[in-house]
Each structure stands twice: as structure tokens, then as C-alpha cells.
């Protein structure tokens, strides 16, 4: 069991160390933190030990890319997720983009993860953090400072890129990660 986690960790680190550049034919390129976050997000959702409880009625894991003002980045993030990841723990994925930060069109109990495609105001971010806690959703932000403010997961950039976890939010939302994730991640409380 430990070998599987070590292989996954090694794969995660190799992915993060790989070339950065999600440019499209139209020339639009995502920011560095968003690019790295797009590759890290499925791993962070998959690190949730209760991920299989998040299947929607069609048996898929719903990953939402949420934006406030930057629809174009939201679309590019979703396109990359759709083209690069087809399952998490052998559970097929459904990826959707939304500007509705109340997530009314979606069954909240069946959202496996939410990727923030642009920086949110404090009020909107606080509402989203509360939503994620109440619904036990892995909320991922690639933006500096968001995990310290309460977002479930994100990234920590220093001499190397590491996953970041907000331990208080994890406890409040009852989301559990394996010890390996907890060991390698930058933790906030």
C-alpha cells in the first residue's frame, strides 16, 4: 500500500517538475501558478480518501472550474483537464466551467472538486470556503494566500512546488487525506 502512495508522490513530483506551458493555438497562455495548479488539481482531488462517495448519479466525479470574471481562463483550464485526465482512481470525470459561484445548476453533494480559475474577492472566497466545508468539497486555488485564508488545497511555491493544505478546513469539512499527502504538503491552520 505504501509503495502505491510513494509511486503516486513520485509521479506528482515529476509532473510538477515537467515543462510549464499550456499555450493554445490562439496564443492564450495561462499564468504560471494556474498552469501548475491545473496539473496538481486532479492529484489533490484524488488524495481525498472519501472520493468514491462523490460520484454523481451517472457514476462520474464532477470537477468544476469556477471563475468570477475571467471566463477565458476558466475555459482553458477545463479544456486542459478534459484532454489530460480521464479518471481519478478509475472513476470517470465530468468537467464543467461555471461563473455561478452559488453552483445552483449542480447537485452540491456530487461535486468532487472546484478549481478557482481567477482570484476572488474576500467576500466571495469566504462564501465559497463555507460552501466547500458544508458540502465536503475539495476547493483548490492556485493563488497565493488563498489556502492560508481557508481554501482546502492549493500550491506552495518556494525552492520547489509543493501541495498546500488548510488543516482547519480539512477538519471542518471532514475531508481526509492520507498521511503521505500530509507529510509532503505545506500545512496551514
N, C-alpha and C. Protein backbone atom coordinates (compact mmCIF):
# COMPACT_ATOMS: atom_id res chain seq x y z
N UNK A 1 0.82 -1.18 0.00
CA UNK A 1 0.00 0.00 0.00
C UNK A 1 0.88 1.26 0.00
N UNK A 2 1.93 1.23 0.83
CA UNK A 2 2.83 2.38 0.91
C UNK A 2 3.55 2.62 -0.41
N UNK A 3 3.88 1.54 -1.13
CA UNK A 3 4.56 1.67 -2.42
C UNK A 3 3.69 2.41 -3.42
N UNK A 4 2.39 2.15 -3.39
CA UNK A 4 1.47 2.84 -4.30
C UNK A 4 1.49 4.33 -4.02
N UNK A 5 1.45 4.70 -2.75
CA UNK A 5 1.48 6.12 -2.39
C UNK A 5 2.80 6.76 -2.79
N UNK A 6 3.90 6.03 -2.59
CA UNK A 6 5.20 6.57 -2.97
C UNK A 6 5.29 6.76 -4.49
N UNK A 7 4.74 5.81 -5.25
CA UNK A 7 4.72 5.97 -6.72
C UNK A 7 3.90 7.18 -7.13
N UNK A 8 2.75 7.34 -6.49
CA UNK A 8 1.90 8.50 -6.81
C UNK A 8 2.60 9.80 -6.47
N UNK A 9 3.28 9.83 -5.34
CA UNK A 9 4.02 11.02 -4.95
C UNK A 9 5.12 11.31 -5.96
N UNK A 10 5.86 10.29 -6.37
CA UNK A 10 6.91 10.47 -7.36
C UNK A 10 6.33 10.99 -8.67
N UNK A 11 5.20 10.42 -9.09
CA UNK A 11 4.55 10.88 -10.31
C UNK A 11 4.12 12.34 -10.18
N UNK A 12 3.57 12.70 -9.03
CA UNK A 12 3.17 14.08 -8.79
C UNK A 12 4.36 15.01 -8.90
N UNK A 13 5.46 14.64 -8.29
CA UNK A 13 6.65 15.48 -8.34
C UNK A 13 7.21 15.60 -9.76
N UNK A 14 7.19 14.50 -10.51
CA UNK A 14 7.65 14.55 -11.90
C UNK A 14 6.77 15.45 -12.74
N UNK A 15 5.47 15.36 -12.51
CA UNK A 15 4.55 16.23 -13.26
C UNK A 15 4.81 17.69 -12.94
N UNK A 16 5.05 17.98 -11.68
CA UNK A 16 5.29 19.36 -11.29
C UNK A 16 6.63 19.88 -11.80
N UNK A 17 7.58 19.00 -11.98
CA UNK A 17 8.90 19.41 -12.45
C UNK A 17 8.96 19.50 -13.97
N UNK A 18 7.93 19.00 -14.65
CA UNK A 18 7.92 18.99 -16.11
C UNK A 18 7.81 20.39 -16.69
N UNK A 19 7.84 20.49 -18.01
CA UNK A 19 7.78 21.79 -18.65
C UNK A 19 6.43 22.46 -18.40
N UNK A 20 6.51 23.77 -18.22
CA UNK A 20 5.30 24.56 -17.95
C UNK A 20 4.97 25.33 -19.21
N UNK A 21 3.73 25.24 -19.67
CA UNK A 21 3.34 26.00 -20.85
C UNK A 21 2.09 25.45 -21.47
N UNK A 22 0.95 25.89 -21.00
CA UNK A 22 -0.30 25.43 -21.56
C UNK A 22 -0.80 26.47 -22.56
N UNK A 23 -0.06 26.67 -23.60
CA UNK A 23 -0.47 27.62 -24.62
C UNK A 23 -1.43 26.94 -25.58
N UNK A 24 -2.29 27.72 -26.18
CA UNK A 24 -3.25 27.18 -27.13
C UNK A 24 -2.93 27.70 -28.52
N UNK A 25 -3.64 27.18 -29.49
CA UNK A 25 -3.43 27.62 -30.88
C UNK A 25 -3.69 29.11 -31.03
N UNK A 26 -4.60 29.64 -30.24
CA UNK A 26 -4.92 31.07 -30.28
C UNK A 26 -3.88 31.92 -29.59
N UNK A 27 -2.87 31.31 -28.98
CA UNK A 27 -1.81 32.06 -28.35
C UNK A 27 -2.09 32.43 -26.91
N UNK A 28 -3.22 32.09 -26.37
CA UNK A 28 -3.55 32.42 -24.99
C UNK A 28 -2.80 31.48 -24.06
N UNK A 29 -2.11 32.04 -23.09
CA UNK A 29 -1.34 31.22 -22.16
C UNK A 29 -1.81 31.49 -20.73
N UNK A 30 -1.90 30.44 -19.95
CA UNK A 30 -2.30 30.57 -18.55
C UNK A 30 -1.11 31.05 -17.72
N UNK A 31 -1.39 31.75 -16.62
CA UNK A 31 -0.34 32.16 -15.71
C UNK A 31 0.36 30.96 -15.09
N UNK A 32 1.59 31.16 -14.63
CA UNK A 32 2.41 30.06 -14.10
C UNK A 32 1.71 29.29 -12.98
N UNK A 33 1.15 30.00 -12.00
CA UNK A 33 0.52 29.32 -10.86
C UNK A 33 -0.71 28.52 -11.33
N UNK A 34 -1.45 29.06 -12.28
CA UNK A 34 -2.63 28.35 -12.79
C UNK A 34 -2.19 27.11 -13.56
N UNK A 35 -1.13 27.24 -14.36
CA UNK A 35 -0.62 26.10 -15.13
C UNK A 35 -0.21 24.96 -14.20
N UNK A 36 0.53 25.28 -13.18
CA UNK A 36 0.97 24.26 -12.24
C UNK A 36 -0.23 23.69 -11.50
N UNK A 37 -1.15 24.56 -11.13
CA UNK A 37 -2.36 24.14 -10.42
C UNK A 37 -3.21 23.18 -11.22
N UNK A 38 -3.30 23.39 -12.53
CA UNK A 38 -4.09 22.51 -13.39
C UNK A 38 -3.55 21.08 -13.32
N UNK A 39 -2.25 20.95 -13.26
CA UNK A 39 -1.66 19.61 -13.16
C UNK A 39 -1.79 19.02 -11.76
N UNK A 40 -1.79 19.87 -10.75
CA UNK A 40 -1.85 19.39 -9.37
C UNK A 40 -3.28 19.09 -8.92
N UNK A 41 -4.25 19.81 -9.45
CA UNK A 41 -5.65 19.69 -9.01
C UNK A 41 -6.19 18.26 -9.00
N UNK A 42 -6.07 17.49 -10.09
CA UNK A 42 -6.60 16.12 -10.04
C UNK A 42 -5.94 15.26 -8.95
N UNK A 43 -4.66 15.50 -8.69
CA UNK A 43 -3.97 14.74 -7.63
C UNK A 43 -4.53 15.11 -6.26
N UNK A 44 -4.84 16.37 -6.07
CA UNK A 44 -5.38 16.81 -4.79
C UNK A 44 -6.80 16.29 -4.59
N UNK A 45 -7.59 16.25 -5.64
CA UNK A 45 -8.93 15.66 -5.54
C UNK A 45 -8.79 14.17 -5.25
N UNK A 46 -7.89 13.50 -5.94
CA UNK A 46 -7.68 12.08 -5.75
C UNK A 46 -7.10 11.72 -4.39
N UNK A 47 -6.47 12.68 -3.74
CA UNK A 47 -5.93 12.44 -2.40
C UNK A 47 -6.99 12.36 -1.33
N UNK A 48 -8.20 12.78 -1.64
CA UNK A 48 -9.32 12.70 -0.71
C UNK A 48 -9.68 11.23 -0.52
N UNK A 49 -9.55 10.73 0.69
CA UNK A 49 -9.79 9.31 0.94
C UNK A 49 -11.24 8.90 0.75
N UNK A 50 -12.17 9.87 0.75
CA UNK A 50 -13.59 9.55 0.56
C UNK A 50 -14.08 9.90 -0.84
N UNK A 51 -13.17 9.97 -1.80
CA UNK A 51 -13.52 10.43 -3.14
C UNK A 51 -14.63 9.61 -3.79
N UNK A 52 -14.68 8.33 -3.51
CA UNK A 52 -15.71 7.49 -4.15
C UNK A 52 -17.12 7.86 -3.72
N UNK A 53 -17.27 8.56 -2.60
CA UNK A 53 -18.61 8.99 -2.15
C UNK A 53 -19.10 10.20 -2.94
N UNK A 54 -18.25 10.77 -3.76
CA UNK A 54 -18.60 11.98 -4.51
C UNK A 54 -19.10 11.70 -5.92
N UNK A 55 -19.28 10.44 -6.27
CA UNK A 55 -19.78 10.11 -7.61
C UNK A 55 -21.17 10.71 -7.79
N UNK A 56 -21.42 11.24 -8.99
CA UNK A 56 -22.76 11.74 -9.29
C UNK A 56 -23.64 10.56 -9.72
N UNK A 57 -24.93 10.78 -9.95
CA UNK A 57 -25.82 9.65 -10.31
C UNK A 57 -25.36 8.85 -11.53
N UNK A 58 -24.59 9.48 -12.43
CA UNK A 58 -24.10 8.74 -13.59
C UNK A 58 -22.77 8.03 -13.32
N UNK A 59 -22.31 8.05 -12.06
CA UNK A 59 -21.10 7.34 -11.69
C UNK A 59 -19.81 8.08 -11.97
N UNK A 60 -19.90 9.38 -12.26
CA UNK A 60 -18.72 10.19 -12.58
C UNK A 60 -18.39 11.14 -11.44
N UNK A 61 -17.14 11.57 -11.41
CA UNK A 61 -16.72 12.61 -10.49
C UNK A 61 -16.84 13.95 -11.20
N UNK A 62 -17.56 14.87 -10.62
CA UNK A 62 -17.75 16.19 -11.22
C UNK A 62 -16.67 17.13 -10.71
N UNK A 63 -15.87 17.65 -11.64
CA UNK A 63 -14.87 18.67 -11.34
C UNK A 63 -15.36 19.97 -11.96
N UNK A 64 -15.48 21.00 -11.14
CA UNK A 64 -15.92 22.29 -11.63
C UNK A 64 -14.75 23.26 -11.70
N UNK A 65 -14.71 24.03 -12.76
CA UNK A 65 -13.76 25.12 -12.89
C UNK A 65 -14.59 26.39 -12.70
N UNK A 66 -14.34 27.08 -11.60
CA UNK A 66 -15.14 28.26 -11.26
C UNK A 66 -14.36 29.53 -11.58
N UNK A 67 -15.07 30.49 -12.17
CA UNK A 67 -14.45 31.78 -12.45
C UNK A 67 -15.41 32.87 -11.99
N UNK A 68 -14.87 34.04 -11.75
CA UNK A 68 -15.69 35.19 -11.40
C UNK A 68 -15.77 36.13 -12.59
N UNK A 69 -14.62 36.54 -13.10
CA UNK A 69 -14.58 37.48 -14.22
C UNK A 69 -13.85 36.94 -15.44
N UNK A 70 -12.97 35.96 -15.25
CA UNK A 70 -12.09 35.50 -16.32
C UNK A 70 -12.59 34.20 -16.95
N UNK A 71 -13.62 34.32 -17.78
CA UNK A 71 -14.22 33.16 -18.46
C UNK A 71 -13.19 32.44 -19.32
N UNK A 72 -12.33 33.19 -19.99
CA UNK A 72 -11.36 32.59 -20.91
C UNK A 72 -10.40 31.64 -20.18
N UNK A 73 -9.90 32.06 -19.03
CA UNK A 73 -9.03 31.18 -18.26
C UNK A 73 -9.80 29.95 -17.79
N UNK A 74 -11.02 30.14 -17.34
CA UNK A 74 -11.85 29.00 -16.93
C UNK A 74 -11.99 27.98 -18.04
N UNK A 75 -12.26 28.46 -19.24
CA UNK A 75 -12.39 27.55 -20.40
C UNK A 75 -11.10 26.81 -20.68
N UNK A 76 -9.97 27.51 -20.64
CA UNK A 76 -8.68 26.87 -20.93
C UNK A 76 -8.32 25.83 -19.87
N UNK A 77 -8.60 26.13 -18.60
CA UNK A 77 -8.35 25.16 -17.54
C UNK A 77 -9.19 23.91 -17.77
N UNK A 78 -10.47 24.10 -18.07
CA UNK A 78 -11.37 22.96 -18.31
C UNK A 78 -10.91 22.14 -19.52
N UNK A 79 -10.51 22.81 -20.60
CA UNK A 79 -10.03 22.10 -21.79
C UNK A 79 -8.81 21.25 -21.45
N UNK A 80 -7.89 21.81 -20.68
CA UNK A 80 -6.70 21.05 -20.32
C UNK A 80 -7.07 19.86 -19.44
N UNK A 81 -7.94 20.05 -18.47
CA UNK A 81 -8.35 18.93 -17.62
C UNK A 81 -9.00 17.83 -18.45
N UNK A 82 -9.88 18.21 -19.37
CA UNK A 82 -10.57 17.22 -20.20
C UNK A 82 -9.60 16.44 -21.08
N UNK A 83 -8.57 17.12 -21.58
CA UNK A 83 -7.65 16.45 -22.51
C UNK A 83 -6.54 15.68 -21.80
N UNK A 84 -6.29 15.97 -20.53
CA UNK A 84 -5.15 15.33 -19.87
C UNK A 84 -5.52 14.29 -18.81
N UNK A 85 -6.73 14.35 -18.30
CA UNK A 85 -7.13 13.42 -17.23
C UNK A 85 -8.51 12.87 -17.57
N UNK A 86 -8.64 11.54 -17.61
CA UNK A 86 -9.96 10.99 -17.91
C UNK A 86 -10.58 10.27 -16.72
N UNK A 87 -9.77 10.04 -15.67
CA UNK A 87 -10.33 9.41 -14.47
C UNK A 87 -9.46 9.72 -13.26
N UNK A 88 -10.05 9.55 -12.10
CA UNK A 88 -9.33 9.63 -10.83
C UNK A 88 -9.70 8.36 -10.08
N UNK A 89 -8.72 7.56 -9.76
CA UNK A 89 -8.94 6.26 -9.10
C UNK A 89 -9.97 5.42 -9.88
N UNK A 90 -9.81 5.40 -11.18
CA UNK A 90 -10.67 4.63 -12.09
C UNK A 90 -12.13 5.10 -12.09
N UNK A 91 -12.38 6.28 -11.58
CA UNK A 91 -13.72 6.87 -11.66
C UNK A 91 -13.69 7.90 -12.78
N UNK A 92 -14.58 7.77 -13.78
CA UNK A 92 -14.57 8.71 -14.90
C UNK A 92 -14.91 10.13 -14.43
N UNK A 93 -14.45 11.10 -15.21
CA UNK A 93 -14.63 12.51 -14.84
C UNK A 93 -15.63 13.21 -15.73
N UNK A 94 -16.28 14.18 -15.16
CA UNK A 94 -17.09 15.16 -15.88
C UNK A 94 -16.53 16.51 -15.47
N UNK A 95 -16.12 17.32 -16.44
CA UNK A 95 -15.53 18.63 -16.16
C UNK A 95 -16.45 19.70 -16.72
N UNK A 96 -16.77 20.70 -15.91
CA UNK A 96 -17.64 21.79 -16.34
C UNK A 96 -17.08 23.12 -15.86
N UNK A 97 -17.40 24.18 -16.58
CA UNK A 97 -16.99 25.53 -16.24
C UNK A 97 -18.23 26.29 -15.78
N UNK A 98 -18.09 27.07 -14.73
CA UNK A 98 -19.22 27.85 -14.25
C UNK A 98 -18.79 29.20 -13.70
N UNK A 99 -19.60 30.19 -13.97
CA UNK A 99 -19.44 31.51 -13.38
C UNK A 99 -20.44 31.72 -12.26
N UNK A 100 -21.29 30.72 -12.03
CA UNK A 100 -22.28 30.77 -10.95
C UNK A 100 -21.60 30.26 -9.67
N UNK A 101 -21.15 31.18 -8.84
CA UNK A 101 -20.41 30.80 -7.65
C UNK A 101 -21.31 30.28 -6.54
N UNK A 102 -22.61 30.19 -6.80
CA UNK A 102 -23.53 29.53 -5.87
C UNK A 102 -23.77 28.08 -6.31
N UNK A 103 -23.32 27.73 -7.49
CA UNK A 103 -23.37 26.37 -8.05
C UNK A 103 -24.80 25.82 -8.09
N UNK A 104 -25.76 26.69 -8.37
CA UNK A 104 -27.16 26.27 -8.41
C UNK A 104 -27.46 25.19 -9.45
N UNK A 105 -26.83 25.20 -10.62
CA UNK A 105 -27.16 24.16 -11.60
C UNK A 105 -26.63 22.77 -11.23
N UNK A 106 -25.84 22.67 -10.16
CA UNK A 106 -25.18 21.41 -9.84
C UNK A 106 -25.67 20.88 -8.50
N UNK A 107 -25.72 19.57 -8.41
CA UNK A 107 -26.04 18.94 -7.13
C UNK A 107 -24.80 19.05 -6.25
N UNK A 108 -24.88 19.88 -5.23
CA UNK A 108 -23.71 20.18 -4.41
C UNK A 108 -23.10 18.94 -3.76
N UNK A 109 -23.91 17.96 -3.45
CA UNK A 109 -23.38 16.76 -2.80
C UNK A 109 -22.55 15.90 -3.74
N UNK A 110 -22.60 16.19 -5.03
CA UNK A 110 -21.87 15.38 -6.00
C UNK A 110 -20.76 16.15 -6.71
N UNK A 111 -20.32 17.23 -6.12
CA UNK A 111 -19.17 17.96 -6.66
C UNK A 111 -17.93 17.41 -5.96
N UNK A 112 -17.01 16.84 -6.73
CA UNK A 112 -15.80 16.25 -6.14
C UNK A 112 -14.74 17.31 -5.86
N UNK A 113 -14.65 18.30 -6.74
CA UNK A 113 -13.64 19.34 -6.57
C UNK A 113 -13.98 20.58 -7.36
N UNK A 114 -13.51 21.71 -6.86
CA UNK A 114 -13.70 23.01 -7.53
C UNK A 114 -12.33 23.66 -7.68
N UNK A 115 -11.99 24.03 -8.91
CA UNK A 115 -10.75 24.73 -9.22
C UNK A 115 -11.09 26.20 -9.42
N UNK A 116 -10.44 27.08 -8.69
CA UNK A 116 -10.66 28.52 -8.87
C UNK A 116 -9.77 29.03 -9.99
N UNK A 117 -10.39 29.51 -11.06
CA UNK A 117 -9.64 29.94 -12.24
C UNK A 117 -9.18 31.39 -12.15
N UNK A 118 -9.81 32.18 -11.29
CA UNK A 118 -9.32 33.53 -11.08
C UNK A 118 -9.46 33.93 -9.62
N UNK A 119 -8.73 34.96 -9.25
CA UNK A 119 -8.69 35.43 -7.86
C UNK A 119 -10.05 36.02 -7.50
N UNK A 120 -10.56 35.62 -6.34
CA UNK A 120 -11.87 36.10 -5.88
C UNK A 120 -11.70 37.15 -4.80
N UNK A 121 -12.72 38.01 -4.67
CA UNK A 121 -12.73 38.98 -3.58
C UNK A 121 -12.85 38.21 -2.26
N UNK A 122 -12.53 38.87 -1.17
CA UNK A 122 -12.58 38.22 0.14
C UNK A 122 -13.97 37.68 0.44
N UNK A 123 -15.01 38.46 0.18
CA UNK A 123 -16.37 38.02 0.46
C UNK A 123 -16.77 36.79 -0.36
N UNK A 124 -16.46 36.80 -1.64
CA UNK A 124 -16.80 35.65 -2.50
C UNK A 124 -15.99 34.42 -2.10
N UNK A 125 -14.72 34.63 -1.79
CA UNK A 125 -13.89 33.50 -1.38
C UNK A 125 -14.39 32.91 -0.06
N UNK A 126 -14.74 33.75 0.88
CA UNK A 126 -15.26 33.26 2.17
C UNK A 126 -16.54 32.45 1.98
N UNK A 127 -17.43 32.91 1.10
CA UNK A 127 -18.66 32.16 0.81
C UNK A 127 -18.35 30.80 0.20
N UNK A 128 -17.38 30.78 -0.70
CA UNK A 128 -17.00 29.54 -1.36
C UNK A 128 -16.34 28.57 -0.38
N UNK A 129 -15.53 29.09 0.53
CA UNK A 129 -14.90 28.25 1.55
C UNK A 129 -15.99 27.61 2.42
N UNK A 130 -16.96 28.40 2.85
CA UNK A 130 -18.08 27.87 3.66
C UNK A 130 -18.86 26.81 2.89
N UNK A 131 -19.12 27.06 1.61
CA UNK A 131 -19.83 26.11 0.76
C UNK A 131 -19.06 24.78 0.69
N UNK A 132 -17.74 24.87 0.48
CA UNK A 132 -16.91 23.67 0.39
C UNK A 132 -16.88 22.89 1.69
N UNK A 133 -16.82 23.60 2.81
CA UNK A 133 -16.81 22.92 4.11
C UNK A 133 -18.13 22.19 4.34
N UNK A 134 -19.23 22.88 4.11
CA UNK A 134 -20.55 22.28 4.36
C UNK A 134 -20.81 21.07 3.47
N UNK A 135 -20.29 21.09 2.24
CA UNK A 135 -20.56 20.02 1.29
C UNK A 135 -19.41 19.03 1.13
N UNK A 136 -18.35 19.21 1.92
CA UNK A 136 -17.17 18.34 1.87
C UNK A 136 -16.57 18.26 0.47
N UNK A 137 -16.35 19.43 -0.10
CA UNK A 137 -15.80 19.55 -1.45
C UNK A 137 -14.35 20.01 -1.37
N UNK A 138 -13.48 19.39 -2.15
CA UNK A 138 -12.09 19.83 -2.24
C UNK A 138 -12.08 21.11 -3.08
N UNK A 139 -11.79 22.21 -2.43
CA UNK A 139 -11.69 23.51 -3.09
C UNK A 139 -10.21 23.79 -3.32
N UNK A 140 -9.82 24.03 -4.58
CA UNK A 140 -8.42 24.22 -4.94
C UNK A 140 -8.22 25.61 -5.52
N UNK A 141 -7.23 26.32 -4.99
CA UNK A 141 -6.86 27.62 -5.54
C UNK A 141 -5.36 27.66 -5.79
N UNK A 142 -4.96 28.08 -7.00
CA UNK A 142 -3.54 28.23 -7.28
C UNK A 142 -2.98 29.58 -6.82
N UNK A 143 -3.83 30.41 -6.24
CA UNK A 143 -3.43 31.79 -5.94
C UNK A 143 -2.83 31.92 -4.54
N UNK A 144 -1.77 32.69 -4.48
CA UNK A 144 -1.03 32.88 -3.23
C UNK A 144 -1.94 33.44 -2.14
N UNK A 145 -1.86 32.84 -0.96
CA UNK A 145 -2.58 33.33 0.19
C UNK A 145 -3.96 32.71 0.40
N UNK A 146 -4.52 32.07 -0.63
CA UNK A 146 -5.88 31.54 -0.51
C UNK A 146 -5.97 30.36 0.45
N UNK A 147 -4.97 29.48 0.46
CA UNK A 147 -5.01 28.34 1.38
C UNK A 147 -4.89 28.84 2.82
N UNK A 148 -4.05 29.80 3.05
CA UNK A 148 -3.92 30.37 4.39
C UNK A 148 -5.23 31.02 4.84
N UNK A 149 -6.02 31.50 3.90
CA UNK A 149 -7.31 32.13 4.23
C UNK A 149 -8.42 31.10 4.43
N UNK A 150 -8.19 29.82 4.06
CA UNK A 150 -9.20 28.80 4.33
C UNK A 150 -9.54 27.88 3.19
N UNK A 151 -9.02 28.13 2.00
CA UNK A 151 -9.25 27.22 0.87
C UNK A 151 -8.65 25.86 1.23
N UNK A 152 -9.32 24.79 0.89
CA UNK A 152 -8.89 23.45 1.28
C UNK A 152 -7.48 23.12 0.80
N UNK A 153 -7.23 23.29 -0.50
CA UNK A 153 -5.94 22.91 -1.07
C UNK A 153 -5.46 23.94 -2.08
N UNK A 154 -4.19 23.86 -2.36
CA UNK A 154 -3.59 24.76 -3.34
C UNK A 154 -2.16 24.35 -3.56
N UNK A 155 -1.33 25.34 -3.85
CA UNK A 155 0.08 25.04 -4.04
C UNK A 155 0.92 26.03 -3.27
N UNK A 156 2.09 25.56 -2.89
CA UNK A 156 3.04 26.36 -2.13
C UNK A 156 4.31 26.42 -2.98
N UNK A 157 4.74 27.63 -3.30
CA UNK A 157 5.91 27.80 -4.15
C UNK A 157 7.04 28.39 -3.32
N UNK A 158 8.12 27.65 -3.25
CA UNK A 158 9.34 28.12 -2.59
C UNK A 158 10.49 27.70 -3.51
N UNK A 159 11.45 26.95 -3.01
CA UNK A 159 12.51 26.45 -3.89
C UNK A 159 11.97 25.35 -4.80
N UNK A 160 10.83 24.77 -4.40
CA UNK A 160 10.13 23.80 -5.23
C UNK A 160 8.63 23.97 -4.97
N UNK A 161 7.83 23.40 -5.83
CA UNK A 161 6.38 23.49 -5.69
C UNK A 161 5.89 22.30 -4.89
N UNK A 162 5.08 22.57 -3.86
CA UNK A 162 4.51 21.51 -3.03
C UNK A 162 3.01 21.73 -2.92
N UNK A 163 2.28 20.66 -2.64
CA UNK A 163 0.86 20.85 -2.35
C UNK A 163 0.73 21.64 -1.05
N UNK A 164 -0.37 22.37 -0.92
CA UNK A 164 -0.66 23.10 0.31
C UNK A 164 -2.04 22.67 0.80
N UNK A 165 -2.17 22.47 2.11
CA UNK A 165 -3.44 22.06 2.70
C UNK A 165 -3.76 22.96 3.88
N UNK A 166 -5.04 23.30 4.01
CA UNK A 166 -5.50 24.03 5.19
C UNK A 166 -6.09 22.99 6.13
N UNK A 167 -5.38 22.70 7.21
CA UNK A 167 -5.78 21.63 8.13
C UNK A 167 -7.10 21.94 8.84
N UNK A 168 -7.33 23.19 9.18
CA UNK A 168 -8.59 23.57 9.83
C UNK A 168 -9.76 23.31 8.90
N UNK A 169 -9.63 23.69 7.65
CA UNK A 169 -10.70 23.46 6.68
C UNK A 169 -10.91 21.97 6.45
N UNK A 170 -9.82 21.21 6.40
CA UNK A 170 -9.96 19.76 6.23
C UNK A 170 -10.75 19.15 7.38
N UNK A 171 -10.44 19.54 8.59
CA UNK A 171 -11.15 19.01 9.76
C UNK A 171 -12.62 19.44 9.72
N UNK A 172 -12.87 20.72 9.46
CA UNK A 172 -14.25 21.23 9.43
C UNK A 172 -15.09 20.60 8.34
N UNK A 173 -14.48 20.29 7.20
CA UNK A 173 -15.23 19.70 6.09
C UNK A 173 -15.24 18.18 6.13
N UNK A 174 -14.51 17.61 7.09
CA UNK A 174 -14.44 16.15 7.26
C UNK A 174 -13.81 15.46 6.04
N UNK A 175 -12.96 16.19 5.33
CA UNK A 175 -12.21 15.60 4.22
C UNK A 175 -10.93 15.01 4.80
N UNK A 176 -10.63 13.77 4.44
CA UNK A 176 -9.45 13.10 4.96
C UNK A 176 -8.46 12.84 3.83
N UNK A 177 -7.20 13.11 4.12
CA UNK A 177 -6.11 12.81 3.19
C UNK A 177 -5.21 11.77 3.83
N UNK A 178 -4.51 11.01 2.98
CA UNK A 178 -3.59 10.03 3.53
C UNK A 178 -2.37 10.73 4.12
N UNK A 179 -1.65 10.00 4.95
CA UNK A 179 -0.52 10.57 5.68
C UNK A 179 0.58 11.08 4.75
N UNK A 180 0.75 10.44 3.61
CA UNK A 180 1.79 10.85 2.68
C UNK A 180 1.52 12.27 2.17
N UNK A 181 0.28 12.55 1.81
CA UNK A 181 -0.06 13.90 1.38
C UNK A 181 0.22 14.89 2.51
N UNK A 182 -0.18 14.52 3.71
CA UNK A 182 0.01 15.41 4.85
C UNK A 182 1.49 15.65 5.14
N UNK A 183 2.30 14.63 4.87
CA UNK A 183 3.73 14.73 5.14
C UNK A 183 4.42 15.66 4.14
N UNK A 184 4.06 15.59 2.86
CA UNK A 184 4.76 16.38 1.85
C UNK A 184 4.17 17.78 1.66
N UNK A 185 2.96 18.00 2.15
CA UNK A 185 2.28 19.27 1.90
C UNK A 185 2.71 20.35 2.89
N UNK A 186 2.66 21.58 2.43
CA UNK A 186 2.80 22.74 3.30
C UNK A 186 1.44 22.87 3.98
N UNK A 187 1.45 22.92 5.31
CA UNK A 187 0.20 22.94 6.06
C UNK A 187 -0.08 24.31 6.66
N UNK A 188 -1.33 24.70 6.58
CA UNK A 188 -1.80 25.94 7.21
C UNK A 188 -2.90 25.58 8.19
N UNK A 189 -3.06 26.39 9.22
CA UNK A 189 -4.14 26.16 10.18
C UNK A 189 -4.98 27.39 10.32
